[in-house]
Amino acid sequence: MSTTVPPGNLLTIEETAARLRLSEKTVRRLVDAGLLPAYRVARRAVRVDENQLEDWIYGPDDPGARSGPPSARPVPASTADDPSAGQSNAGRLHAGQEETR
């Protein structure tokens, strides 16, 4: 965790948690683990830079990342019609297949 605060809009843990739709406890764990960049601005006060949060979510090279709210962004064609996209093959059933356990 850095103590050199960048210029820009700094978010509290509560604001960061709301944007990520996570609990404050989870955000604190991400910060403590060094997975989410944050700045200590006082002994017990931690802030997250808004621009760094956007880069953390979408990646720094995603040109469409800041073009609107997540719901307004297009869904990649490979996942748009396949609700099981992103799951391993172990969890998928193919047509005509029955689950065996």
PDB file of N, CA and C in Angstrom:
ATOM      1  N   MET A   1       0.852  -1.162   0.000  1.00  0.00           N
ATOM      2  CA  MET A   1       0.000   0.000   0.000  1.00  0.00           C
ATOM      3  C   MET A   1       0.899   1.225   0.000  1.00  0.00           C
ATOM      4  N   SER A   2       0.610   2.142  -0.893  1.00  0.00           N
ATOM      5  CA  SER A   2       1.427   3.333  -1.039  1.00  0.00           C
ATOM      6  C   SER A   2       0.938   4.462  -0.135  1.00  0.00           C
ATOM      7  N   THR A   3       1.859   5.337   0.211  1.00  0.00           N
ATOM      8  CA  THR A   3       1.476   6.506   0.995  1.00  0.00           C
ATOM      9  C   THR A   3       1.555   7.770   0.162  1.00  0.00           C
ATOM     10  N   THR A   4       2.109   7.701  -1.052  1.00  0.00           N
ATOM     11  CA  THR A   4       2.164   8.848  -1.955  1.00  0.00           C
ATOM     12  C   THR A   4       0.853   8.895  -2.717  1.00  0.00           C
ATOM     13  N   VAL A   5       0.025   9.862  -2.393  1.00  0.00           N
ATOM     14  CA  VAL A   5      -1.326   9.930  -2.951  1.00  0.00           C
ATOM     15  C   VAL A   5      -1.298  10.643  -4.305  1.00  0.00           C
ATOM     16  N   PRO A   6      -1.875  10.014  -5.342  1.00  0.00           N
ATOM     17  CA  PRO A   6      -1.912  10.644  -6.659  1.00  0.00           C
ATOM     18  C   PRO A   6      -2.994  11.716  -6.705  1.00  0.00           C
ATOM     19  N   PRO A   7      -2.861  12.675  -7.627  1.00  0.00           N
ATOM     20  CA  PRO A   7      -3.942  13.644  -7.783  1.00  0.00           C
ATOM     21  C   PRO A   7      -5.124  12.947  -8.441  1.00  0.00           C
ATOM     22  N   GLY A   8      -6.301  13.361  -8.124  1.00  0.00           N
ATOM     23  CA  GLY A   8      -7.472  12.750  -8.726  1.00  0.00           C
ATOM     24  C   GLY A   8      -8.524  12.459  -7.684  1.00  0.00           C
ATOM     25  N   ASN A   9      -9.544  11.787  -8.114  1.00  0.00           N
ATOM     26  CA  ASN A   9     -10.668  11.471  -7.252  1.00  0.00           C
ATOM     27  C   ASN A   9     -10.364  10.216  -6.440  1.00  0.00           C
ATOM     28  N   LEU A  10     -10.328  10.343  -5.129  1.00  0.00           N
ATOM     29  CA  LEU A  10     -10.064   9.208  -4.250  1.00  0.00           C
ATOM     30  C   LEU A  10     -11.365   8.720  -3.644  1.00  0.00           C
ATOM     31  N   LEU A  11     -11.518   7.411  -3.620  1.00  0.00           N
ATOM     32  CA  LEU A  11     -12.724   6.786  -3.096  1.00  0.00           C
ATOM     33  C   LEU A  11     -12.447   6.153  -1.741  1.00  0.00           C
ATOM     34  N   THR A  12     -13.424   6.198  -0.869  1.00  0.00           N
ATOM     35  CA  THR A  12     -13.310   5.503   0.406  1.00  0.00           C
ATOM     36  C   THR A  12     -13.497   4.006   0.161  1.00  0.00           C
ATOM     37  N   ILE A  13     -13.214   3.226   1.172  1.00  0.00           N
ATOM     38  CA  ILE A  13     -13.441   1.780   1.080  1.00  0.00           C
ATOM     39  C   ILE A  13     -14.920   1.509   0.817  1.00  0.00           C
ATOM     40  N   GLU A  14     -15.778   2.260   1.484  1.00  0.00           N
ATOM     41  CA  GLU A  14     -17.226   2.091   1.309  1.00  0.00           C
ATOM     42  C   GLU A  14     -17.646   2.391  -0.136  1.00  0.00           C
ATOM     43  N   GLU A  15     -17.137   3.478  -0.710  1.00  0.00           N
ATOM     44  CA  GLU A  15     -17.468   3.828  -2.095  1.00  0.00           C
ATOM     45  C   GLU A  15     -16.918   2.792  -3.070  1.00  0.00           C
ATOM     46  N   THR A  16     -15.715   2.318  -2.805  1.00  0.00           N
ATOM     47  CA  THR A  16     -15.103   1.296  -3.655  1.00  0.00           C
ATOM     48  C   THR A  16     -15.920   0.009  -3.604  1.00  0.00           C
ATOM     49  N   ALA A  17     -16.324  -0.380  -2.405  1.00  0.00           N
ATOM     50  CA  ALA A  17     -17.128  -1.592  -2.245  1.00  0.00           C
ATOM     51  C   ALA A  17     -18.445  -1.475  -3.009  1.00  0.00           C
ATOM     52  N   ALA A  18     -19.063  -0.307  -2.958  1.00  0.00           N
ATOM     53  CA  ALA A  18     -20.327  -0.099  -3.670  1.00  0.00           C
ATOM     54  C   ALA A  18     -20.130  -0.229  -5.175  1.00  0.00           C
ATOM     55  N   ARG A  19     -19.041   0.335  -5.698  1.00  0.00           N
ATOM     56  CA  ARG A  19     -18.782   0.254  -7.135  1.00  0.00           C
ATOM     57  C   ARG A  19     -18.496  -1.169  -7.586  1.00  0.00           C
ATOM     58  N   LEU A  20     -17.811  -1.933  -6.739  1.00  0.00           N
ATOM     59  CA  LEU A  20     -17.473  -3.314  -7.086  1.00  0.00           C
ATOM     60  C   LEU A  20     -18.586  -4.297  -6.728  1.00  0.00           C
ATOM     61  N   ARG A  21     -19.584  -3.805  -5.997  1.00  0.00           N
ATOM     62  CA  ARG A  21     -20.669  -4.650  -5.483  1.00  0.00           C
ATOM     63  C   ARG A  21     -20.117  -5.779  -4.621  1.00  0.00           C
ATOM     64  N   LEU A  22     -19.184  -5.383  -3.758  1.00  0.00           N
ATOM     65  CA  LEU A  22     -18.572  -6.294  -2.799  1.00  0.00           C
ATOM     66  C   LEU A  22     -18.761  -5.723  -1.407  1.00  0.00           C
ATOM     67  N   SER A  23     -18.503  -6.523  -0.404  1.00  0.00           N
ATOM     68  CA  SER A  23     -18.554  -6.005   0.964  1.00  0.00           C
ATOM     69  C   SER A  23     -17.305  -5.187   1.247  1.00  0.00           C
ATOM     70  N   GLU A  24     -17.407  -4.300   2.220  1.00  0.00           N
ATOM     71  CA  GLU A  24     -16.246  -3.507   2.620  1.00  0.00           C
ATOM     72  C   GLU A  24     -15.138  -4.426   3.127  1.00  0.00           C
ATOM     73  N   LYS A  25     -15.520  -5.487   3.800  1.00  0.00           N
ATOM     74  CA  LYS A  25     -14.541  -6.441   4.327  1.00  0.00           C
ATOM     75  C   LYS A  25     -13.737  -7.081   3.187  1.00  0.00           C
ATOM     76  N   THR A  26     -14.411  -7.424   2.107  1.00  0.00           N
ATOM     77  CA  THR A  26     -13.730  -8.020   0.961  1.00  0.00           C
ATOM     78  C   THR A  26     -12.783  -7.024   0.315  1.00  0.00           C
ATOM     79  N   VAL A  27     -13.212  -5.767   0.195  1.00  0.00           N
ATOM     80  CA  VAL A  27     -12.342  -4.733  -0.380  1.00  0.00           C
ATOM     81  C   VAL A  27     -11.108  -4.560   0.498  1.00  0.00           C
ATOM     82  N   ARG A  28     -11.296  -4.534   1.805  1.00  0.00           N
ATOM     83  CA  ARG A  28     -10.148  -4.409   2.717  1.00  0.00           C
ATOM     84  C   ARG A  28      -9.197  -5.596   2.556  1.00  0.00           C
ATOM     85  N   ARG A  29      -9.737  -6.774   2.363  1.00  0.00           N
ATOM     86  CA  ARG A  29      -8.886  -7.956   2.153  1.00  0.00           C
ATOM     87  C   ARG A  29      -8.087  -7.830   0.862  1.00  0.00           C
ATOM     88  N   LEU A  30      -8.732  -7.340  -0.202  1.00  0.00           N
ATOM     89  CA  LEU A  30      -8.032  -7.141  -1.473  1.00  0.00           C
ATOM     90  C   LEU A  30      -6.911  -6.123  -1.321  1.00  0.00           C
ATOM     91  N   VAL A  31      -7.173  -5.049  -0.591  1.00  0.00           N
ATOM     92  CA  VAL A  31      -6.154  -4.021  -0.356  1.00  0.00           C
ATOM     93  C   VAL A  31      -5.023  -4.587   0.490  1.00  0.00           C
ATOM     94  N   ASP A  32      -5.365  -5.268   1.575  1.00  0.00           N
ATOM     95  CA  ASP A  32      -4.347  -5.830   2.470  1.00  0.00           C
ATOM     96  C   ASP A  32      -3.467  -6.861   1.765  1.00  0.00           C
ATOM     97  N   ALA A  33      -4.052  -7.597   0.817  1.00  0.00           N
ATOM     98  CA  ALA A  33      -3.296  -8.607   0.077  1.00  0.00           C
ATOM     99  C   ALA A  33      -2.462  -7.985  -1.047  1.00  0.00           C
ATOM    100  N   GLY A  34      -2.643  -6.682  -1.277  1.00  0.00           N
ATOM    101  CA  GLY A  34      -1.904  -6.011  -2.332  1.00  0.00           C
ATOM    102  C   GLY A  34      -2.484  -6.246  -3.712  1.00  0.00           C
ATOM    103  N   LEU A  35      -3.694  -6.775  -3.789  1.00  0.00           N
ATOM    104  CA  LEU A  35      -4.326  -7.054  -5.068  1.00  0.00           C
ATOM    105  C   LEU A  35      -5.049  -5.841  -5.642  1.00  0.00           C
ATOM    106  N   LEU A  36      -5.463  -4.930  -4.794  1.00  0.00           N
ATOM    107  CA  LEU A  36      -6.147  -3.708  -5.203  1.00  0.00           C
ATOM    108  C   LEU A  36      -5.307  -2.524  -4.751  1.00  0.00           C
ATOM    109  N   PRO A  37      -4.849  -1.681  -5.684  1.00  0.00           N
ATOM    110  CA  PRO A  37      -4.002  -0.549  -5.294  1.00  0.00           C
ATOM    111  C   PRO A  37      -4.766   0.438  -4.419  1.00  0.00           C
ATOM    112  N   ALA A  38      -4.128   0.870  -3.331  1.00  0.00           N
ATOM    113  CA  ALA A  38      -4.764   1.797  -2.396  1.00  0.00           C
ATOM    114  C   ALA A  38      -3.702   2.668  -1.744  1.00  0.00           C
ATOM    115  N   TYR A  39      -4.155   3.723  -1.094  1.00  0.00           N
ATOM    116  CA  TYR A  39      -3.265   4.698  -0.460  1.00  0.00           C
ATOM    117  C   TYR A  39      -3.715   4.944   0.965  1.00  0.00           C
ATOM    118  N   ARG A  40      -2.768   4.951   1.862  1.00  0.00           N
ATOM    119  CA  ARG A  40      -3.059   5.300   3.250  1.00  0.00           C
ATOM    120  C   ARG A  40      -2.921   6.810   3.362  1.00  0.00           C
ATOM    121  N   VAL A  41      -4.018   7.492   3.689  1.00  0.00           N
ATOM    122  CA  VAL A  41      -4.010   8.954   3.780  1.00  0.00           C
ATOM    123  C   VAL A  41      -3.959   9.434   5.226  1.00  0.00           C
ATOM    124  N   ALA A  42      -4.204   8.552   6.155  1.00  0.00           N
ATOM    125  CA  ALA A  42      -4.097   8.828   7.586  1.00  0.00           C
ATOM    126  C   ALA A  42      -3.895   7.482   8.279  1.00  0.00           C
ATOM    127  N   ARG A  43      -3.705   7.514   9.559  1.00  0.00           N
ATOM    128  CA  ARG A  43      -3.405   6.270  10.278  1.00  0.00           C
ATOM    129  C   ARG A  43      -4.428   5.169  10.006  1.00  0.00           C
ATOM    130  N   ARG A  44      -5.703   5.525  10.003  1.00  0.00           N
ATOM    131  CA  ARG A  44      -6.745   4.516   9.798  1.00  0.00           C
ATOM    132  C   ARG A  44      -7.573   4.765   8.537  1.00  0.00           C
ATOM    133  N   ALA A  45      -7.118   5.648   7.671  1.00  0.00           N
ATOM    134  CA  ALA A  45      -7.878   5.990   6.470  1.00  0.00           C
ATOM    135  C   ALA A  45      -7.160   5.518   5.212  1.00  0.00           C
ATOM    136  N   VAL A  46      -7.877   4.746   4.411  1.00  0.00           N
ATOM    137  CA  VAL A  46      -7.347   4.205   3.160  1.00  0.00           C
ATOM    138  C   VAL A  46      -8.250   4.697   2.033  1.00  0.00           C
ATOM    139  N   ARG A  47      -7.631   5.067   0.917  1.00  0.00           N
ATOM    140  CA  ARG A  47      -8.387   5.519  -0.244  1.00  0.00           C
ATOM    141  C   ARG A  47      -7.916   4.788  -1.486  1.00  0.00           C
ATOM    142  N   VAL A  48      -8.836   4.664  -2.453  1.00  0.00           N
ATOM    143  CA  VAL A  48      -8.553   4.021  -3.735  1.00  0.00           C
ATOM    144  C   VAL A  48      -8.742   5.072  -4.818  1.00  0.00           C
ATOM    145  N   ASP A  49      -7.726   5.221  -5.679  1.00  0.00           N
ATOM    146  CA  ASP A  49      -7.818   6.169  -6.781  1.00  0.00           C
ATOM    147  C   ASP A  49      -8.834   5.655  -7.793  1.00  0.00           C
ATOM    148  N   GLU A  50      -9.762   6.512  -8.187  1.00  0.00           N
ATOM    149  CA  GLU A  50     -10.833   6.117  -9.101  1.00  0.00           C
ATOM    150  C   GLU A  50     -10.297   5.617 -10.443  1.00  0.00           C
ATOM    151  N   ASN A  51      -9.292   6.282 -10.991  1.00  0.00           N
ATOM    152  CA  ASN A  51      -8.728   5.853 -12.277  1.00  0.00           C
ATOM    153  C   ASN A  51      -8.036   4.496 -12.163  1.00  0.00           C
ATOM    154  N   GLN A  52      -7.333   4.283 -11.069  1.00  0.00           N
ATOM    155  CA  GLN A  52      -6.675   2.992 -10.872  1.00  0.00           C
ATOM    156  C   GLN A  52      -7.707   1.882 -10.662  1.00  0.00           C
ATOM    157  N   LEU A  53      -8.813   2.208 -10.027  1.00  0.00           N
ATOM    158  CA  LEU A  53      -9.876   1.221  -9.843  1.00  0.00           C
ATOM    159  C   LEU A  53     -10.446   0.816 -11.198  1.00  0.00           C
ATOM    160  N   GLU A  54     -10.677   1.793 -12.071  1.00  0.00           N
ATOM    161  CA  GLU A  54     -11.176   1.490 -13.416  1.00  0.00           C
ATOM    162  C   GLU A  54     -10.190   0.605 -14.175  1.00  0.00           C
ATOM    163  N   ASP A  55      -8.893   0.921 -14.078  1.00  0.00           N
ATOM    164  CA  ASP A  55      -7.878   0.091 -14.726  1.00  0.00           C
ATOM    165  C   ASP A  55      -7.847  -1.310 -14.130  1.00  0.00           C
ATOM    166  N   TRP A  56      -8.039  -1.407 -12.819  1.00  0.00           N
ATOM    167  CA  TRP A  56      -8.032  -2.701 -12.141  1.00  0.00           C
ATOM    168  C   TRP A  56      -9.206  -3.553 -12.605  1.00  0.00           C
ATOM    169  N   ILE A  57     -10.354  -2.914 -12.804  1.00  0.00           N
ATOM    170  CA  ILE A  57     -11.551  -3.640 -13.227  1.00  0.00           C
ATOM    171  C   ILE A  57     -11.451  -4.062 -14.690  1.00  0.00           C
ATOM    172  N   TYR A  58     -11.134  -3.108 -15.560  1.00  0.00           N
ATOM    173  CA  TYR A  58     -11.228  -3.346 -16.993  1.00  0.00           C
ATOM    174  C   TYR A  58      -9.904  -3.574 -17.691  1.00  0.00           C
ATOM    175  N   GLY A  59      -8.809  -3.262 -17.031  1.00  0.00           N
ATOM    176  CA  GLY A  59      -7.501  -3.359 -17.661  1.00  0.00           C
ATOM    177  C   GLY A  59      -7.136  -2.029 -18.291  1.00  0.00           C
ATOM    178  N   PRO A  60      -5.868  -1.677 -18.264  1.00  0.00           N
ATOM    179  CA  PRO A  60      -5.454  -0.356 -18.756  1.00  0.00           C
ATOM    180  C   PRO A  60      -5.545  -0.207 -20.269  1.00  0.00           C
ATOM    181  N   ASP A  61      -5.595  -1.298 -21.014  1.00  0.00           N
ATOM    182  CA  ASP A  61      -5.571  -1.226 -22.473  1.00  0.00           C
ATOM    183  C   ASP A  61      -6.938  -1.384 -23.116  1.00  0.00           C
ATOM    184  N   ASP A  62      -8.007  -1.397 -22.326  1.00  0.00           N
ATOM    185  CA  ASP A  62      -9.352  -1.582 -22.857  1.00  0.00           C
ATOM    186  C   ASP A  62      -9.927  -0.221 -23.251  1.00  0.00           C
ATOM    187  N   PRO A  63      -9.959   0.118 -24.568  1.00  0.00           N
ATOM    188  CA  PRO A  63     -10.416   1.441 -24.980  1.00  0.00           C
ATOM    189  C   PRO A  63     -11.886   1.686 -24.689  1.00  0.00           C
ATOM    190  N   GLY A  64     -12.696   0.652 -24.599  1.00  0.00           N
ATOM    191  CA  GLY A  64     -14.126   0.834 -24.340  1.00  0.00           C
ATOM    192  C   GLY A  64     -14.487   0.756 -22.877  1.00  0.00           C
ATOM    193  N   ALA A  65     -13.498   0.619 -22.013  1.00  0.00           N
ATOM    194  CA  ALA A  65     -13.761   0.399 -20.594  1.00  0.00           C
ATOM    195  C   ALA A  65     -14.521   1.542 -19.952  1.00  0.00           C
ATOM    196  N   ARG A  66     -14.239   2.748 -20.367  1.00  0.00           N
ATOM    197  CA  ARG A  66     -14.870   3.891 -19.711  1.00  0.00           C
ATOM    198  C   ARG A  66     -15.944   4.534 -20.576  1.00  0.00           C
ATOM    199  N   SER A  67     -16.498   3.775 -21.505  1.00  0.00           N
ATOM    200  CA  SER A  67     -17.464   4.344 -22.433  1.00  0.00           C
ATOM    201  C   SER A  67     -18.885   4.368 -21.890  1.00  0.00           C
ATOM    202  N   GLY A  68     -19.086   3.875 -20.703  1.00  0.00           N
ATOM    203  CA  GLY A  68     -20.418   3.888 -20.131  1.00  0.00           C
ATOM    204  C   GLY A  68     -20.512   2.884 -19.014  1.00  0.00           C
ATOM    205  N   PRO A  69     -21.665   2.805 -18.384  1.00  0.00           N
ATOM    206  CA  PRO A  69     -21.824   1.837 -17.302  1.00  0.00           C
ATOM    207  C   PRO A  69     -21.718   0.420 -17.843  1.00  0.00           C
ATOM    208  N   PRO A  70     -21.342  -0.542 -16.977  1.00  0.00           N
ATOM    209  CA  PRO A  70     -21.166  -1.915 -17.452  1.00  0.00           C
ATOM    210  C   PRO A  70     -22.370  -2.461 -18.200  1.00  0.00           C
ATOM    211  N   SER A  71     -23.587  -2.082 -17.798  1.00  0.00           N
ATOM    212  CA  SER A  71     -24.785  -2.597 -18.454  1.00  0.00           C
ATOM    213  C   SER A  71     -24.925  -2.080 -19.879  1.00  0.00           C
ATOM    214  N   ALA A  72     -24.258  -0.963 -20.205  1.00  0.00           N
ATOM    215  CA  ALA A  72     -24.353  -0.380 -21.531  1.00  0.00           C
ATOM    216  C   ALA A  72     -23.285  -0.926 -22.476  1.00  0.00           C
ATOM    217  N   ARG A  73     -22.319  -1.652 -21.960  1.00  0.00           N
ATOM    218  CA  ARG A  73     -21.247  -2.176 -22.791  1.00  0.00           C
ATOM    219  C   ARG A  73     -21.708  -3.449 -23.494  1.00  0.00           C
ATOM    220  N   PRO A  74     -21.230  -3.656 -24.717  1.00  0.00           N
ATOM    221  CA  PRO A  74     -21.630  -4.862 -25.438  1.00  0.00           C
ATOM    222  C   PRO A  74     -21.055  -6.120 -24.799  1.00  0.00           C
ATOM    223  N   VAL A  75     -21.796  -7.190 -24.896  1.00  0.00           N
ATOM    224  CA  VAL A  75     -21.343  -8.492 -24.401  1.00  0.00           C
ATOM    225  C   VAL A  75     -20.641  -9.188 -25.550  1.00  0.00           C
ATOM    226  N   PRO A  76     -19.446  -9.761 -25.317  1.00  0.00           N
ATOM    227  CA  PRO A  76     -18.753 -10.465 -26.398  1.00  0.00           C
ATOM    228  C   PRO A  76     -19.639 -11.542 -27.005  1.00  0.00           C
ATOM    229  N   ALA A  77     -19.592 -11.678 -28.315  1.00  0.00           N
ATOM    230  CA  ALA A  77     -20.460 -12.626 -29.016  1.00  0.00           C
ATOM    231  C   ALA A  77     -20.289 -14.048 -28.508  1.00  0.00           C
ATOM    232  N   SER A  78     -19.102 -14.387 -28.072  1.00  0.00           N
ATOM    233  CA  SER A  78     -18.852 -15.759 -27.624  1.00  0.00           C
ATOM    234  C   SER A  78     -19.611 -16.097 -26.354  1.00  0.00           C
ATOM    235  N   THR A  79     -20.036 -15.111 -25.579  1.00  0.00           N
ATOM    236  CA  THR A  79     -20.751 -15.386 -24.333  1.00  0.00           C
ATOM    237  C   THR A  79     -22.197 -14.922 -24.367  1.00  0.00           C
ATOM    238  N   ALA A  80     -22.588 -14.169 -25.393  1.00  0.00           N
ATOM    239  CA  ALA A  80     -23.925 -13.587 -25.422  1.00  0.00           C
ATOM    240  C   ALA A  80     -25.022 -14.637 -25.438  1.00  0.00           C
ATOM    241  N   ASP A  81     -24.850 -15.707 -26.203  1.00  0.00           N
ATOM    242  CA  ASP A  81     -25.902 -16.709 -26.341  1.00  0.00           C
ATOM    243  C   ASP A  81     -25.661 -17.960 -25.523  1.00  0.00           C
ATOM    244  N   ASP A  82     -24.537 -18.044 -24.836  1.00  0.00           N
ATOM    245  CA  ASP A  82     -24.174 -19.250 -24.101  1.00  0.00           C
ATOM    246  C   ASP A  82     -24.112 -18.953 -22.608  1.00  0.00           C
ATOM    247  N   PRO A  83     -25.192 -19.259 -21.857  1.00  0.00           N
ATOM    248  CA  PRO A  83     -25.187 -18.955 -20.428  1.00  0.00           C
ATOM    249  C   PRO A  83     -24.136 -19.723 -19.646  1.00  0.00           C
ATOM    250  N   SER A  84     -23.610 -20.795 -20.215  1.00  0.00           N
ATOM    251  CA  SER A  84     -22.594 -21.564 -19.502  1.00  0.00           C
ATOM    252  C   SER A  84     -21.188 -21.149 -19.893  1.00  0.00           C
ATOM    253  N   ALA A  85     -21.056 -20.107 -20.719  1.00  0.00           N
ATOM    254  CA  ALA A  85     -19.724 -19.656 -21.130  1.00  0.00           C
ATOM    255  C   ALA A  85     -18.920 -19.287 -19.908  1.00  0.00           C
ATOM    256  N   GLY A  86     -17.677 -19.655 -19.930  1.00  0.00           N
ATOM    257  CA  GLY A  86     -16.815 -19.361 -18.797  1.00  0.00           C
ATOM    258  C   GLY A  86     -16.757 -20.495 -17.784  1.00  0.00           C
ATOM    259  N   GLN A  87     -17.639 -21.481 -17.916  1.00  0.00           N
ATOM    260  CA  GLN A  87     -17.603 -22.631 -17.019  1.00  0.00           C
ATOM    261  C   GLN A  87     -16.719 -23.697 -17.636  1.00  0.00           C
ATOM    262  N   SER A  88     -16.204 -24.566 -16.805  1.00  0.00           N
ATOM    263  CA  SER A  88     -15.398 -25.661 -17.334  1.00  0.00           C
ATOM    264  C   SER A  88     -16.299 -26.681 -18.017  1.00  0.00           C
ATOM    265  N   ASN A  89     -15.714 -27.493 -18.870  1.00  0.00           N
ATOM    266  CA  ASN A  89     -16.483 -28.527 -19.553  1.00  0.00           C
ATOM    267  C   ASN A  89     -17.049 -29.541 -18.583  1.00  0.00           C
ATOM    268  N   ALA A  90     -16.440 -29.679 -17.425  1.00  0.00           N
ATOM    269  CA  ALA A  90     -16.905 -30.665 -16.448  1.00  0.00           C
ATOM    270  C   ALA A  90     -18.311 -30.361 -15.965  1.00  0.00           C
ATOM    271  N   GLY A  91     -18.706 -29.108 -15.960  1.00  0.00           N
ATOM    272  CA  GLY A  91     -20.017 -28.738 -15.443  1.00  0.00           C
ATOM    273  C   GLY A  91     -21.090 -28.638 -16.501  1.00  0.00           C
ATOM    274  N   ARG A  92     -20.760 -28.891 -17.756  1.00  0.00           N
ATOM    275  CA  ARG A  92     -21.730 -28.739 -18.836  1.00  0.00           C
ATOM    276  C   ARG A  92     -22.320 -30.076 -19.243  1.00  0.00           C
ATOM    277  N   LEU A  93     -23.585 -30.043 -19.601  1.00  0.00           N
ATOM    278  CA  LEU A  93     -24.238 -31.212 -20.181  1.00  0.00           C
ATOM    279  C   LEU A  93     -24.513 -30.899 -21.635  1.00  0.00           C
ATOM    280  N   HIS A  94     -24.290 -31.859 -22.504  1.00  0.00           N
ATOM    281  CA  HIS A  94     -24.554 -31.665 -23.918  1.00  0.00           C
ATOM    282  C   HIS A  94     -25.921 -32.234 -24.248  1.00  0.00           C
ATOM    283  N   ALA A  95     -26.471 -31.839 -25.373  1.00  0.00           N
ATOM    284  CA  ALA A  95     -27.798 -32.294 -25.783  1.00  0.00           C
ATOM    285  C   ALA A  95     -27.859 -33.817 -25.764  1.00  0.00           C
ATOM    286  N   GLY A  96     -28.895 -34.346 -25.157  1.00  0.00           N
ATOM    287  CA  GLY A  96     -29.091 -35.786 -25.087  1.00  0.00           C
ATOM    288  C   GLY A  96     -28.317 -36.463 -23.980  1.00  0.00           C
ATOM    289  N   GLN A  97     -27.551 -35.711 -23.211  1.00  0.00           N
ATOM    290  CA  GLN A  97     -26.730 -36.283 -22.150  1.00  0.00           C
ATOM    291  C   GLN A  97     -27.461 -36.145 -20.828  1.00  0.00           C
ATOM    292  N   GLU A  98     -27.351 -37.141 -19.993  1.00  0.00           N
ATOM    293  CA  GLU A  98     -27.935 -37.076 -18.661  1.00  0.00           C
ATOM    294  C   GLU A  98     -26.820 -36.966 -17.644  1.00  0.00           C
ATOM    295  N   GLU A  99     -27.154 -36.306 -16.546  1.00  0.00           N
ATOM    296  CA  GLU A  99     -26.149 -36.144 -15.484  1.00  0.00           C
ATOM    297  C   GLU A  99     -25.975 -37.483 -14.769  1.00  0.00           C
ATOM    298  N   THR A 100     -24.728 -37.897 -14.604  1.00  0.00           N
ATOM    299  CA  THR A 100     -24.441 -39.125 -13.877  1.00  0.00           C
ATOM    300  C   THR A 100     -23.550 -38.802 -12.701  1.00  0.00           C
ATOM    301  N   ARG A 101     -23.965 -39.239 -11.547  1.00  0.00           N
ATOM    302  CA  ARG A 101     -23.165 -39.008 -10.334  1.00  0.00           C
ATOM    303  C   ARG A 101     -23.243 -40.184  -9.427  1.00  0.00           C
TER     304      ARG A 101
END
